[in-house]
PDB file of N, CA and C in Angstrom:
ATOM      1  N   MET A   1       0.774  -1.153   0.103  1.00  0.00           N
ATOM      2  CA  MET A   1       0.110   0.079   0.012  1.00  0.00           C
ATOM      3  C   MET A   1       0.852   1.124  -0.019  1.00  0.00           C
ATOM      4  N   TYR A   2       1.875   1.325   0.960  1.00  0.00           N
ATOM      5  CA  TYR A   2       2.679   2.425   1.100  1.00  0.00           C
ATOM      6  C   TYR A   2       3.561   2.644  -0.232  1.00  0.00           C
ATOM      7  N   ARG A   3       4.066   1.466  -0.973  1.00  0.00           N
ATOM      8  CA  ARG A   3       4.849   1.556  -2.280  1.00  0.00           C
ATOM      9  C   ARG A   3       3.995   2.145  -3.321  1.00  0.00           C
ATOM     10  N   LEU A   4       2.797   1.880  -3.333  1.00  0.00           N
ATOM     11  CA  LEU A   4       1.758   2.242  -4.315  1.00  0.00           C
ATOM     12  C   LEU A   4       1.593   3.834  -4.209  1.00  0.00           C
ATOM     13  N   LEU A   5       1.229   4.485  -2.907  1.00  0.00           N
ATOM     14  CA  LEU A   5       1.172   5.676  -2.595  1.00  0.00           C
ATOM     15  C   LEU A   5       2.588   6.578  -2.951  1.00  0.00           C
ATOM     16  N   ALA A   6       3.629   5.898  -2.680  1.00  0.00           N
ATOM     17  CA  ALA A   6       5.052   6.559  -2.823  1.00  0.00           C
ATOM     18  C   ALA A   6       5.181   6.603  -4.484  1.00  0.00           C
ATOM     19  N   THR A   7       4.835   5.561  -5.166  1.00  0.00           N
ATOM     20  CA  THR A   7       4.857   5.667  -6.565  1.00  0.00           C
ATOM     21  C   THR A   7       4.111   6.829  -7.273  1.00  0.00           C
ATOM     22  N   ALA A   8       2.848   6.709  -6.630  1.00  0.00           N
ATOM     23  CA  ALA A   8       1.846   7.769  -7.248  1.00  0.00           C
ATOM     24  C   ALA A   8       2.394   9.257  -7.018  1.00  0.00           C
ATOM     25  N   LEU A   9       2.801   9.464  -5.733  1.00  0.00           N
ATOM     26  CA  LEU A   9       3.444  10.696  -5.373  1.00  0.00           C
ATOM     27  C   LEU A   9       4.640  11.029  -6.286  1.00  0.00           C
ATOM     28  N   LEU A  10       5.509  10.013  -6.402  1.00  0.00           N
ATOM     29  CA  LEU A  10       6.567  10.342  -7.336  1.00  0.00           C
ATOM     30  C   LEU A  10       6.285  10.641  -8.653  1.00  0.00           C
ATOM     31  N   PHE A  11       5.121   9.960  -9.276  1.00  0.00           N
ATOM     32  CA  PHE A  11       4.818  10.099 -10.745  1.00  0.00           C
ATOM     33  C   PHE A  11       4.196  11.592 -10.630  1.00  0.00           C
ATOM     34  N   ALA A  12       3.378  11.979  -9.644  1.00  0.00           N
ATOM     35  CA  ALA A  12       2.752  13.248  -9.830  1.00  0.00           C
ATOM     36  C   ALA A  12       3.796  14.414  -9.782  1.00  0.00           C
ATOM     37  N   THR A  13       4.863  14.317  -8.794  1.00  0.00           N
ATOM     38  CA  THR A  13       5.930  15.264  -8.647  1.00  0.00           C
ATOM     39  C   THR A  13       6.643  15.349 -10.128  1.00  0.00           C
ATOM     40  N   ILE A  14       6.896  14.162 -10.771  1.00  0.00           N
ATOM     41  CA  ILE A  14       7.615  14.256 -12.035  1.00  0.00           C
ATOM     42  C   ILE A  14       6.878  14.871 -13.023  1.00  0.00           C
ATOM     43  N   THR A  15       5.680  14.513 -13.166  1.00  0.00           N
ATOM     44  CA  THR A  15       4.803  15.216 -14.344  1.00  0.00           C
ATOM     45  C   THR A  15       4.607  16.560 -14.025  1.00  0.00           C
ATOM     46  N   ALA A  16       4.509  17.045 -12.839  1.00  0.00           N
ATOM     47  CA  ALA A  16       4.225  18.441 -12.455  1.00  0.00           C
ATOM     48  C   ALA A  16       5.496  19.245 -12.836  1.00  0.00           C
ATOM     49  N   CYS A  17       6.813  18.510 -12.689  1.00  0.00           N
ATOM     50  CA  CYS A  17       7.955  19.432 -13.133  1.00  0.00           C
ATOM     51  C   CYS A  17       8.074  19.458 -14.531  1.00  0.00           C
ATOM     52  N   GLN A  18       7.417  18.611 -15.191  1.00  0.00           N
ATOM     53  CA  GLN A  18       7.611  18.519 -16.810  1.00  0.00           C
ATOM     54  C   GLN A  18       6.530  19.452 -17.462  1.00  0.00           C
ATOM     55  N   SER A  19       5.608  19.941 -16.696  1.00  0.00           N
ATOM     56  CA  SER A  19       4.438  20.765 -17.322  1.00  0.00           C
ATOM     57  C   SER A  19       5.066  22.143 -18.021  1.00  0.00           C
ATOM     58  N   THR A  20       5.969  22.747 -17.374  1.00  0.00           N
ATOM     59  CA  THR A  20       6.616  24.028 -17.739  1.00  0.00           C
ATOM     60  C   THR A  20       8.019  23.853 -17.986  1.00  0.00           C
ATOM     61  N   PRO A  21       8.440  24.139 -19.296  1.00  0.00           N
ATOM     62  CA  PRO A  21       9.842  23.839 -19.490  1.00  0.00           C
ATOM     63  C   PRO A  21      10.877  24.656 -18.866  1.00  0.00           C
ATOM     64  N   GLN A  22      12.144  24.353 -18.375  1.00  0.00           N
ATOM     65  CA  GLN A  22      13.129  25.081 -17.763  1.00  0.00           C
ATOM     66  C   GLN A  22      13.367  26.179 -18.446  1.00  0.00           C
ATOM     67  N   PRO A  23      13.576  27.488 -17.872  1.00  0.00           N
ATOM     68  CA  PRO A  23      13.988  28.734 -18.592  1.00  0.00           C
ATOM     69  C   PRO A  23      15.419  28.414 -19.237  1.00  0.00           C
ATOM     70  N   THR A  24      15.549  29.139 -20.563  1.00  0.00           N
ATOM     71  CA  THR A  24      16.726  28.939 -21.266  1.00  0.00           C
ATOM     72  C   THR A  24      17.414  30.350 -21.153  1.00  0.00           C
ATOM     73  N   THR A  25      16.874  31.363 -20.740  1.00  0.00           N
ATOM     74  CA  THR A  25      17.431  32.550 -20.428  1.00  0.00           C
ATOM     75  C   THR A  25      17.284  33.166 -18.894  1.00  0.00           C
ATOM     76  N   PRO A  26      18.030  33.962 -18.416  1.00  0.00           N
ATOM     77  CA  PRO A  26      18.017  34.145 -16.979  1.00  0.00           C
ATOM     78  C   PRO A  26      16.465  34.819 -16.794  1.00  0.00           C
ATOM     79  N   ILE A  27      16.087  34.612 -15.493  1.00  0.00           N
ATOM     80  CA  ILE A  27      15.043  35.455 -14.880  1.00  0.00           C
ATOM     81  C   ILE A  27      15.610  36.306 -13.757  1.00  0.00           C
ATOM     82  N   ILE A  28      15.388  37.654 -14.038  1.00  0.00           N
ATOM     83  CA  ILE A  28      15.929  38.574 -13.041  1.00  0.00           C
ATOM     84  C   ILE A  28      14.872  39.156 -12.039  1.00  0.00           C
ATOM     85  N   ALA A  29      15.111  38.999 -10.800  1.00  0.00           N
ATOM     86  CA  ALA A  29      14.081  39.469  -9.738  1.00  0.00           C
ATOM     87  C   ALA A  29      14.422  41.124  -9.634  1.00  0.00           C
ATOM     88  N   ARG A  30      13.493  41.799  -9.619  1.00  0.00           N
ATOM     89  CA  ARG A  30      13.571  43.420  -9.373  1.00  0.00           C
ATOM     90  C   ARG A  30      12.660  43.701  -8.274  1.00  0.00           C
ATOM     91  N   THR A  31      12.617  45.188  -7.934  1.00  0.00           N
ATOM     92  CA  THR A  31      11.984  45.481  -6.698  1.00  0.00           C
ATOM     93  C   THR A  31      10.369  45.294  -6.895  1.00  0.00           C
ATOM     94  N   ASN A  32       9.702  45.321  -5.816  1.00  0.00           N
ATOM     95  CA  ASN A  32       8.146  45.361  -5.811  1.00  0.00           C
ATOM     96  C   ASN A  32       7.779  43.934  -6.443  1.00  0.00           C
ATOM     97  N   ASP A  33       8.337  42.863  -6.151  1.00  0.00           N
ATOM     98  CA  ASP A  33       7.974  41.407  -6.470  1.00  0.00           C
ATOM     99  C   ASP A  33       7.849  41.422  -8.124  1.00  0.00           C
ATOM    100  N   THR A  34       8.647  42.220  -8.927  1.00  0.00           N
ATOM    101  CA  THR A  34       8.569  42.146 -10.311  1.00  0.00           C
ATOM    102  C   THR A  34       9.708  41.286 -10.816  1.00  0.00           C
ATOM    103  N   PHE A  35       9.647  40.813 -12.087  1.00  0.00           N
ATOM    104  CA  PHE A  35      10.846  40.150 -12.599  1.00  0.00           C
ATOM    105  C   PHE A  35      10.831  40.538 -14.015  1.00  0.00           C
ATOM    106  N   GLU A  36      12.131  40.220 -14.717  1.00  0.00           N
ATOM    107  CA  GLU A  36      12.374  40.501 -16.053  1.00  0.00           C
ATOM    108  C   GLU A  36      12.997  39.182 -16.674  1.00  0.00           C
ATOM    109  N   THR A  37      12.745  38.951 -17.961  1.00  0.00           N
ATOM    110  CA  THR A  37      13.253  37.894 -18.684  1.00  0.00           C
ATOM    111  C   THR A  37      13.154  38.317 -20.240  1.00  0.00           C
ATOM    112  N   THR A  38      13.925  37.571 -20.947  1.00  0.00           N
ATOM    113  CA  THR A  38      13.894  37.681 -22.264  1.00  0.00           C
ATOM    114  C   THR A  38      13.812  36.351 -23.058  1.00  0.00           C
ATOM    115  N   GLY A  39      13.076  36.426 -24.143  1.00  0.00           N
ATOM    116  CA  GLY A  39      12.827  35.174 -25.006  1.00  0.00           C
ATOM    117  C   GLY A  39      13.545  35.369 -26.468  1.00  0.00           C
ATOM    118  N   LEU A  40      14.474  34.384 -26.897  1.00  0.00           N
ATOM    119  CA  LEU A  40      15.080  34.517 -28.149  1.00  0.00           C
ATOM    120  C   LEU A  40      14.477  33.611 -29.216  1.00  0.00           C
ATOM    121  N   GLY A  41      14.296  34.160 -30.332  1.00  0.00           N
ATOM    122  CA  GLY A  41      13.876  33.049 -31.316  1.00  0.00           C
ATOM    123  C   GLY A  41      14.127  33.592 -32.917  1.00  0.00           C
ATOM    124  N   LYS A  42      13.735  32.641 -33.749  1.00  0.00           N
ATOM    125  CA  LYS A  42      13.848  33.005 -35.251  1.00  0.00           C
ATOM    126  C   LYS A  42      12.660  33.967 -35.725  1.00  0.00           C
ATOM    127  N   ASP A  43      11.710  33.964 -35.120  1.00  0.00           N
ATOM    128  CA  ASP A  43      10.720  34.875 -35.242  1.00  0.00           C
ATOM    129  C   ASP A  43       9.983  35.437 -33.896  1.00  0.00           C
ATOM    130  N   LYS A  44       9.172  36.367 -34.047  1.00  0.00           N
ATOM    131  CA  LYS A  44       8.432  36.976 -33.146  1.00  0.00           C
ATOM    132  C   LYS A  44       7.682  36.033 -32.098  1.00  0.00           C
ATOM    133  N   VAL A  45       7.024  35.109 -32.702  1.00  0.00           N
ATOM    134  CA  VAL A  45       6.101  34.198 -31.963  1.00  0.00           C
ATOM    135  C   VAL A  45       7.043  33.256 -31.039  1.00  0.00           C
ATOM    136  N   SER A  46       8.097  32.696 -31.756  1.00  0.00           N
ATOM    137  CA  SER A  46       8.921  31.838 -30.797  1.00  0.00           C
ATOM    138  C   SER A  46       9.549  32.612 -29.710  1.00  0.00           C
ATOM    139  N   ALA A  47      10.057  33.921 -29.939  1.00  0.00           N
ATOM    140  CA  ALA A  47      10.649  34.523 -28.926  1.00  0.00           C
ATOM    141  C   ALA A  47       9.714  34.920 -27.820  1.00  0.00           C
ATOM    142  N   GLN A  48       8.363  35.162 -28.200  1.00  0.00           N
ATOM    143  CA  GLN A  48       7.166  35.410 -27.198  1.00  0.00           C
ATOM    144  C   GLN A  48       6.990  34.378 -26.448  1.00  0.00           C
ATOM    145  N   HIS A  49       6.828  33.099 -27.108  1.00  0.00           N
ATOM    146  CA  HIS A  49       6.622  31.849 -26.330  1.00  0.00           C
ATOM    147  C   HIS A  49       7.706  31.523 -25.473  1.00  0.00           C
ATOM    148  N   GLN A  50       8.876  31.865 -25.858  1.00  0.00           N
ATOM    149  CA  GLN A  50      10.051  31.268 -24.891  1.00  0.00           C
ATOM    150  C   GLN A  50      10.075  32.281 -23.418  1.00  0.00           C
ATOM    151  N   ALA A  51       9.849  33.613 -23.846  1.00  0.00           N
ATOM    152  CA  ALA A  51       9.772  34.626 -22.566  1.00  0.00           C
ATOM    153  C   ALA A  51       8.528  34.218 -21.675  1.00  0.00           C
ATOM    154  N   LEU A  52       7.394  33.890 -22.231  1.00  0.00           N
ATOM    155  CA  LEU A  52       6.230  33.592 -21.565  1.00  0.00           C
ATOM    156  C   LEU A  52       6.439  32.294 -20.712  1.00  0.00           C
ATOM    157  N   ASN A  53       7.105  31.357 -21.389  1.00  0.00           N
ATOM    158  CA  ASN A  53       7.231  29.967 -20.768  1.00  0.00           C
ATOM    159  C   ASN A  53       8.211  30.392 -19.529  1.00  0.00           C
ATOM    160  N   ASN A  54       9.330  31.141 -19.608  1.00  0.00           N
ATOM    161  CA  ASN A  54      10.005  31.497 -18.465  1.00  0.00           C
ATOM    162  C   ASN A  54       9.315  32.033 -17.430  1.00  0.00           C
ATOM    163  N   ALA A  55       8.314  33.075 -17.619  1.00  0.00           N
ATOM    164  CA  ALA A  55       7.499  33.699 -16.775  1.00  0.00           C
ATOM    165  C   ALA A  55       6.498  32.685 -16.044  1.00  0.00           C
ATOM    166  N   LYS A  56       5.909  31.839 -16.725  1.00  0.00           N
ATOM    167  CA  LYS A  56       5.105  30.966 -16.143  1.00  0.00           C
ATOM    168  C   LYS A  56       5.989  29.875 -15.291  1.00  0.00           C
ATOM    169  N   PHE A  57       7.307  29.583 -15.632  1.00  0.00           N
ATOM    170  CA  PHE A  57       8.135  28.913 -14.717  1.00  0.00           C
ATOM    171  C   PHE A  57       8.316  29.369 -13.395  1.00  0.00           C
ATOM    172  N   GLN A  58       8.564  30.798 -13.580  1.00  0.00           N
ATOM    173  CA  GLN A  58       8.777  31.655 -12.238  1.00  0.00           C
ATOM    174  C   GLN A  58       7.651  31.717 -11.374  1.00  0.00           C
ATOM    175  N   CYS A  59       6.584  31.891 -12.027  1.00  0.00           N
ATOM    176  CA  CYS A  59       5.329  32.058 -11.181  1.00  0.00           C
ATOM    177  C   CYS A  59       4.804  30.701 -10.910  1.00  0.00           C
ATOM    178  N   LYS A  60       5.208  29.658 -11.272  1.00  0.00           N
ATOM    179  CA  LYS A  60       4.657  28.395 -10.910  1.00  0.00           C
ATOM    180  C   LYS A  60       3.190  28.233 -11.038  1.00  0.00           C
ATOM    181  N   ARG A  61       2.368  28.168 -10.069  1.00  0.00           N
ATOM    182  CA  ARG A  61       0.883  27.919  -9.922  1.00  0.00           C
ATOM    183  C   ARG A  61       0.184  29.259 -10.111  1.00  0.00           C
ATOM    184  N   HIS A  62       0.909  30.454 -10.150  1.00  0.00           N
ATOM    185  CA  HIS A  62       0.176  31.796 -10.228  1.00  0.00           C
ATOM    186  C   HIS A  62       0.288  32.156 -11.708  1.00  0.00           C
ATOM    187  N   THR A  63      -0.395  33.122 -11.991  1.00  0.00           N
ATOM    188  CA  THR A  63      -0.541  33.659 -13.375  1.00  0.00           C
ATOM    189  C   THR A  63       0.516  34.715 -13.472  1.00  0.00           C
ATOM    190  N   PRO A  64       1.397  34.768 -14.638  1.00  0.00           N
ATOM    191  CA  PRO A  64       2.046  35.758 -14.845  1.00  0.00           C
ATOM    192  C   PRO A  64       1.328  37.134 -15.516  1.00  0.00           C
ATOM    193  N   ILE A  65       1.574  38.109 -14.827  1.00  0.00           N
ATOM    194  CA  ILE A  65       0.867  39.614 -15.258  1.00  0.00           C
ATOM    195  C   ILE A  65       2.140  40.265 -16.024  1.00  0.00           C
ATOM    196  N   ILE A  66       2.016  40.645 -17.339  1.00  0.00           N
ATOM    197  CA  ILE A  66       3.080  41.420 -18.136  1.00  0.00           C
ATOM    198  C   ILE A  66       2.746  42.799 -17.949  1.00  0.00           C
ATOM    199  N   LEU A  67       3.809  43.495 -17.242  1.00  0.00           N
ATOM    200  CA  LEU A  67       3.721  44.806 -17.094  1.00  0.00           C
ATOM    201  C   LEU A  67       4.203  45.742 -18.096  1.00  0.00           C
ATOM    202  N   SER A  68       5.288  45.169 -18.893  1.00  0.00           N
ATOM    203  CA  SER A  68       5.751  45.844 -20.123  1.00  0.00           C
ATOM    204  C   SER A  68       6.459  44.896 -21.015  1.00  0.00           C
ATOM    205  N   ASP A  69       6.535  45.194 -22.320  1.00  0.00           N
ATOM    206  CA  ASP A  69       7.117  44.169 -23.233  1.00  0.00           C
ATOM    207  C   ASP A  69       7.881  45.033 -24.305  1.00  0.00           C
ATOM    208  N   GLU A  70       8.766  44.393 -24.939  1.00  0.00           N
ATOM    209  CA  GLU A  70       9.558  45.106 -26.007  1.00  0.00           C
ATOM    210  C   GLU A  70      10.036  44.023 -27.021  1.00  0.00           C
ATOM    211  N   VAL A  71       9.734  44.179 -28.361  1.00  0.00           N
ATOM    212  CA  VAL A  71      10.413  43.196 -29.353  1.00  0.00           C
ATOM    213  C   VAL A  71      11.513  43.941 -29.932  1.00  0.00           C
ATOM    214  N   ILE A  72      12.679  43.238 -30.021  1.00  0.00           N
ATOM    215  CA  ILE A  72      13.839  43.865 -30.727  1.00  0.00           C
ATOM    216  C   ILE A  72      14.415  42.893 -31.959  1.00  0.00           C
ATOM    217  N   TYR A  73      14.532  43.338 -33.048  1.00  0.00           N
ATOM    218  CA  TYR A  73      14.895  42.578 -34.126  1.00  0.00           C
ATOM    219  C   TYR A  73      16.516  42.847 -34.326  1.00  0.00           C
ATOM    220  N   ASN A  74      17.129  41.624 -34.310  1.00  0.00           N
ATOM    221  CA  ASN A  74      18.750  41.603 -34.450  1.00  0.00           C
ATOM    222  C   ASN A  74      19.149  40.961 -35.665  1.00  0.00           C
ATOM    223  N   GLY A  75      18.431  40.741 -36.727  1.00  0.00           N
ATOM    224  CA  GLY A  75      18.680  40.014 -37.793  1.00  0.00           C
ATOM    225  C   GLY A  75      19.941  40.676 -38.661  1.00  0.00           C
ATOM    226  N   VAL A  76      20.387  39.948 -39.626  1.00  0.00           N
ATOM    227  CA  VAL A  76      21.629  40.195 -40.471  1.00  0.00           C
ATOM    228  C   VAL A  76      21.351  41.393 -41.365  1.00  0.00           C
ATOM    229  N   VAL A  77      19.943  41.242 -42.016  1.00  0.00           N
ATOM    230  CA  VAL A  77      19.649  42.353 -42.897  1.00  0.00           C
ATOM    231  C   VAL A  77      18.306  42.849 -42.278  1.00  0.00           C
ATOM    232  N   ASP A  78      17.895  44.050 -42.919  1.00  0.00           N
ATOM    233  CA  ASP A  78      16.537  44.554 -42.347  1.00  0.00           C
ATOM    234  C   ASP A  78      15.590  43.419 -42.470  1.00  0.00           C
ATOM    235  N   GLU A  79      14.656  43.615 -41.501  1.00  0.00           N
ATOM    236  CA  GLU A  79      13.367  42.646 -41.305  1.00  0.00           C
ATOM    237  C   GLU A  79      12.656  42.565 -42.635  1.00  0.00           C
ATOM    238  N   LYS A  80      12.027  43.661 -43.380  1.00  0.00           N
ATOM    239  CA  LYS A  80      11.442  43.405 -44.348  1.00  0.00           C
ATOM    240  C   LYS A  80      12.316  43.010 -45.634  1.00  0.00           C
ATOM    241  N   MET A  81      13.338  43.348 -45.607  1.00  0.00           N
ATOM    242  CA  MET A  81      14.237  42.913 -46.895  1.00  0.00           C
ATOM    243  C   MET A  81      14.616  41.464 -46.829  1.00  0.00           C
ATOM    244  N   GLY A  82      14.885  41.007 -45.529  1.00  0.00           N
ATOM    245  CA  GLY A  82      15.128  39.680 -45.279  1.00  0.00           C
ATOM    246  C   GLY A  82      13.979  38.695 -45.846  1.00  0.00           C
ATOM    247  N   ARG A  83      12.842  39.169 -45.501  1.00  0.00           N
ATOM    248  CA  ARG A  83      11.501  38.370 -45.850  1.00  0.00           C
ATOM    249  C   ARG A  83      11.339  38.355 -47.441  1.00  0.00           C
ATOM    250  N   VAL A  84      11.465  39.513 -48.157  1.00  0.00           N
ATOM    251  CA  VAL A  84      11.659  39.545 -49.505  1.00  0.00           C
ATOM    252  C   VAL A  84      12.613  38.735 -50.327  1.00  0.00           C
ATOM    253  N   PHE A  85      13.941  38.746 -49.557  1.00  0.00           N
ATOM    254  CA  PHE A  85      14.970  37.872 -50.235  1.00  0.00           C
ATOM    255  C   PHE A  85      14.533  36.471 -50.007  1.00  0.00           C
ATOM    256  N   GLU A  86      14.164  36.052 -48.839  1.00  0.00           N
ATOM    257  CA  GLU A  86      13.889  34.570 -48.448  1.00  0.00           C
ATOM    258  C   GLU A  86      12.632  34.074 -49.408  1.00  0.00           C
ATOM    259  N   ASN A  87      11.533  34.889 -49.596  1.00  0.00           N
ATOM    260  CA  ASN A  87      10.411  34.591 -50.425  1.00  0.00           C
ATOM    261  C   ASN A  87      11.058  34.567 -52.010  1.00  0.00           C
ATOM    262  N   GLY A  88      11.811  35.362 -52.412  1.00  0.00           N
ATOM    263  CA  GLY A  88      12.367  35.332 -53.728  1.00  0.00           C
ATOM    264  C   GLY A  88      13.233  34.073 -53.982  1.00  0.00           C
ATOM    265  N   MET A  89      14.091  33.812 -53.075  1.00  0.00           N
ATOM    266  CA  MET A  89      14.990  32.562 -53.116  1.00  0.00           C
ATOM    267  C   MET A  89      14.112  31.250 -53.006  1.00  0.00           C
ATOM    268  N   ALA A  90      12.908  31.288 -52.326  1.00  0.00           N
ATOM    269  CA  ALA A  90      12.046  30.169 -52.283  1.00  0.00           C
ATOM    270  C   ALA A  90      11.403  29.993 -53.582  1.00  0.00           C
ATOM    271  N   VAL A  91      10.974  30.912 -54.410  1.00  0.00           N
ATOM    272  CA  VAL A  91      10.481  30.747 -55.708  1.00  0.00           C
ATOM    273  C   VAL A  91      11.581  30.271 -56.531  1.00  0.00           C
ATOM    274  N   ILE A  92      12.775  30.939 -56.524  1.00  0.00           N
ATOM    275  CA  ILE A  92      13.755  30.250 -57.403  1.00  0.00           C
ATOM    276  C   ILE A  92      14.230  28.966 -57.282  1.00  0.00           C
ATOM    277  N   GLY A  93      14.246  28.597 -55.961  1.00  0.00           N
ATOM    278  CA  GLY A  93      14.618  27.233 -55.450  1.00  0.00           C
ATOM    279  C   GLY A  93      13.597  26.290 -55.734  1.00  0.00           C
ATOM    280  N   SER A  94      12.261  26.622 -55.845  1.00  0.00           N
ATOM    281  CA  SER A  94      11.296  25.731 -56.299  1.00  0.00           C
ATOM    282  C   SER A  94      11.236  25.549 -57.782  1.00  0.00           C
ATOM    283  N   VAL A  95      11.671  26.512 -58.532  1.00  0.00           N
ATOM    284  CA  VAL A  95      11.813  26.284 -60.010  1.00  0.00           C
ATOM    285  C   VAL A  95      13.047  25.430 -60.244  1.00  0.00           C
ATOM    286  N   LEU A  96      14.179  25.781 -59.720  1.00  0.00           N
ATOM    287  CA  LEU A  96      15.244  25.098 -60.094  1.00  0.00           C
ATOM    288  C   LEU A  96      15.563  23.785 -59.169  1.00  0.00           C
ATOM    289  N   GLY A  97      14.594  23.603 -58.072  1.00  0.00           N
ATOM    290  CA  GLY A  97      14.740  22.266 -57.421  1.00  0.00           C
ATOM    291  C   GLY A  97      15.963  22.343 -56.539  1.00  0.00           C
ATOM    292  N   THR A  98      16.278  23.446 -56.056  1.00  0.00           N
ATOM    293  CA  THR A  98      17.386  23.678 -54.971  1.00  0.00           C
ATOM    294  C   THR A  98      16.924  23.893 -53.729  1.00  0.00           C
ATOM    295  N   LYS A  99      17.664  23.738 -52.572  1.00  0.00           N
ATOM    296  CA  LYS A  99      17.319  24.146 -51.326  1.00  0.00           C
ATOM    297  C   LYS A  99      17.544  25.812 -51.188  1.00  0.00           C
ATOM    298  N   THR A 100      16.492  26.284 -50.586  1.00  0.00           N
ATOM    299  CA  THR A 100      16.670  27.681 -50.349  1.00  0.00           C
ATOM    300  C   THR A 100      17.490  28.107 -49.162  1.00  0.00           C
ATOM    301  N   PRO A 101      18.326  29.235 -49.373  1.00  0.00           N
ATOM    302  CA  PRO A 101      19.103  29.609 -48.111  1.00  0.00           C
ATOM    303  C   PRO A 101      18.124  30.274 -47.156  1.00  0.00           C
ATOM    304  N   ASN A 102      18.568  30.095 -45.777  1.00  0.00           N
ATOM    305  CA  ASN A 102      17.806  30.583 -44.699  1.00  0.00           C
ATOM    306  C   ASN A 102      18.573  31.671 -43.918  1.00  0.00           C
ATOM    307  N   LEU A 103      18.151  32.954 -43.895  1.00  0.00           N
ATOM    308  CA  LEU A 103      18.869  34.062 -43.376  1.00  0.00           C
ATOM    309  C   LEU A 103      18.687  34.035 -41.766  1.00  0.00           C
ATOM    310  N   SER A 104      17.567  33.469 -41.327  1.00  0.00           N
ATOM    311  CA  SER A 104      17.278  33.520 -40.016  1.00  0.00           C
ATOM    312  C   SER A 104      18.042  32.773 -39.055  1.00  0.00           C
ATOM    313  N   ARG A 105      18.349  33.274 -37.861  1.00  0.00           N
ATOM    314  CA  ARG A 105      19.033  32.653 -36.771  1.00  0.00           C
ATOM    315  C   ARG A 105      18.178  32.510 -35.679  1.00  0.00           C
ATOM    316  N   ASP A 106      18.368  31.728 -34.596  1.00  0.00           N
ATOM    317  CA  ASP A 106      17.760  31.460 -33.406  1.00  0.00           C
ATOM    318  C   ASP A 106      17.709  32.619 -32.625  1.00  0.00           C
ATOM    319  N   ASP A 107      18.304  33.802 -32.740  1.00  0.00           N
ATOM    320  CA  ASP A 107      18.300  34.884 -31.943  1.00  0.00           C
ATOM    321  C   ASP A 107      18.079  36.139 -32.673  1.00  0.00           C
ATOM    322  N   ASP A 108      17.354  35.969 -33.737  1.00  0.00           N
ATOM    323  CA  ASP A 108      17.100  37.236 -34.487  1.00  0.00           C
ATOM    324  C   ASP A 108      15.954  38.212 -33.820  1.00  0.00           C
ATOM    325  N   TYR A 109      15.348  37.406 -33.040  1.00  0.00           N
ATOM    326  CA  TYR A 109      14.171  38.375 -32.190  1.00  0.00           C
ATOM    327  C   TYR A 109      14.447  38.151 -30.604  1.00  0.00           C
ATOM    328  N   GLU A 110      14.247  39.298 -30.104  1.00  0.00           N
ATOM    329  CA  GLU A 110      14.330  39.381 -28.586  1.00  0.00           C
ATOM    330  C   GLU A 110      12.879  39.782 -28.022  1.00  0.00           C
ATOM    331  N   TYR A 111      12.391  39.187 -27.191  1.00  0.00           N
ATOM    332  CA  TYR A 111      11.274  39.580 -26.583  1.00  0.00           C
ATOM    333  C   TYR A 111      11.426  39.860 -24.970  1.00  0.00           C
ATOM    334  N   HIS A 112      11.577  41.086 -24.710  1.00  0.00           N
ATOM    335  CA  HIS A 112      11.940  41.256 -23.283  1.00  0.00           C
ATOM    336  C   HIS A 112      10.594  41.742 -22.674  1.00  0.00           C
ATOM    337  N   ILE A 113      10.369  41.025 -21.271  1.00  0.00           N
ATOM    338  CA  ILE A 113       9.216  41.458 -20.635  1.00  0.00           C
ATOM    339  C   ILE A 113       9.580  41.671 -19.078  1.00  0.00           C
ATOM    340  N   LYS A 114       8.831  42.556 -18.600  1.00  0.00           N
ATOM    341  CA  LYS A 114       8.721  42.818 -17.132  1.00  0.00           C
ATOM    342  C   LYS A 114       7.512  42.230 -16.761  1.00  0.00           C
ATOM    343  N   PHE A 115       7.469  41.352 -15.688  1.00  0.00           N
ATOM    344  CA  PHE A 115       6.185  40.834 -15.166  1.00  0.00           C
ATOM    345  C   PHE A 115       6.249  40.607 -13.774  1.00  0.00           C
ATOM    346  N   LYS A 116       4.918  40.312 -13.145  1.00  0.00           N
ATOM    347  CA  LYS A 116       4.936  39.998 -11.713  1.00  0.00           C
ATOM    348  C   LYS A 116       3.916  38.704 -11.701  1.00  0.00           C
ATOM    349  N   CYS A 117       3.846  38.089 -10.436  1.00  0.00           N
ATOM    350  CA  CYS A 117       3.139  36.739 -10.411  1.00  0.00           C
ATOM    351  C   CYS A 117       1.813  37.200  -9.744  1.00  0.00           C
ATOM    352  N   ASP A 118       0.704  36.801 -10.245  1.00  0.00           N
ATOM    353  CA  ASP A 118      -0.558  37.156  -9.387  1.00  0.00           C
ATOM    354  C   ASP A 118      -1.048  36.120  -8.547  1.00  0.00           C
TER     355      ASP A 118
END
């Protein structure tokens, strides 16, 4: 009976730990119970997703409340020009049957948020 209870408790603990991924960027504690973190990604959505996962990890069972946010583009070329270039190369690549080059990197976008846990 105790082994079954211990196994169930261990399983519940392990699955609870896996629900929110570990942060991949630092979470900085500030005054007034606020925090800051940054998400990095190839696009805005993946950077936002990473930063929000970091906030959820910090808040655990509470809801993160975003106080301020900022998106920064750090790409090699201008954001709009990079899209035009990649779309043009995709068309040429499909006609010629070659692989299209990818200018995006995993840190092209930064999504910086300041948040607190409710």
